[in-house]
Amino acid sequence: MIISASRRTDIPKYYSDWFINRIKEGYVDVRNPMYPSQVSRYSLNPEIVDGIVFWTKDPEPILKKLDEFSRYSYYFQFSLTPYGKDVENNLPDKHVLINTFKELSSKIGKERVNWRYDPILLNDKYSIEYQIHAFEKIAAELNGYTKNVTISFIDEYNFGGRSIFTSLKAQEINLSQQNLLAEKISEIAHENGMSVDTCAEKIDLQKYGIKHARCVDSRIFEKLNNCKLSRLKTRYEELPKDTSQRKECLCVDSIDIGWPNTCLNGCKYCYATSSQAELEQNIKKYNLNSSLLCSVIDPQKDKLTDHRGRGDERDRSFKFVNNPQQLSFDI
């Protein structure tokens, strides 16, 4: 089983103490975002958890707590973008974040910190020229501190009546612009010792050496642990794609332990924060000792399903130990 912590909120920045408490308790409860009264309980036993993927824009609060995760394999998806307070309202100065990136990489290794330069957006302030120049500056700073950068182009969507393009005064990035940005970004990344991939993008950019990303990637955990992760106990079968994600997403199945409308980063492009009022209510419910993030179980309304020990496909996998020479796949 792989834990995603979390696409829905910034657990390393705001909720690492809660997550550490869950590890000490040995389990975590997660509401179904589509049917919130349905609650699933999952084991956090290191023998069951094959890895943890941390998603963050500022992991500084968790840096001194990483020893709490020493029994687990984990890596970070670290989003570091070129935007100011007009887009990412509550994030520290970018120079501070670059130093945090370097500190994290120095602690755990550059192969376990993936740089995310996403989403790429265009408006009157953030032009193509601005994006290329900003990427070049950040890439030079991160040279030697990461092996890969993941990019994506912002998409329009309406969530809760909120238009992302309207809130950012952004415009659609057409195919010609996408190709230009991809070509320049690829050149700069390779000059700084990085490969490039795209997150959930339809466009094929292989001519620039850019692959489609698998952000929750079992192959990374296989390489870290010298094994193969199988969905079957008796024979090897690759972990399945996460069908709850978009068609273009290549992530393998994982359990996301976050909850929408709980992130305080204030990013205007965030799809997981749709209501300021709901965000404020959820923050009031935050309890370090609760089994749920920013919530508690109501015995009268909630239906709890305990997945521990059931061997469900989603909540466990099986390790096949490999000869190191067999681990020749590319990441």
Foldseek 3Di string as FASTA:
>chain_A
DEEEQALQAQCLVPPVLLVLLCVVVQKFKAADQVHRLEIEIFGPPLVFHLEYEGEHQANVNCLVVCVSCVSHHYAYEHEQEDDDCLFFVADDDSVVSLVRLQSSCVVPHQARYEYEHDEQWDAPVRHLVNRLVVLLVSLQSCQVRHAEYEYHYADWDADLNDTLCVSVVTDHQDPVNVLVSLLSNLVSNVVSNYAYEYALDPDDNCVSVYYHDQSQDVLSSCLVVQWAWALDDPDRDHADACPVDDPSHRYGFHHYQDAALQYPRRGSRRPRRDDPVVNVQLVVQADSNASHGSDHNDPVRHDYDYCPPVSDSRRGIDIGHHDSVVSPDDD
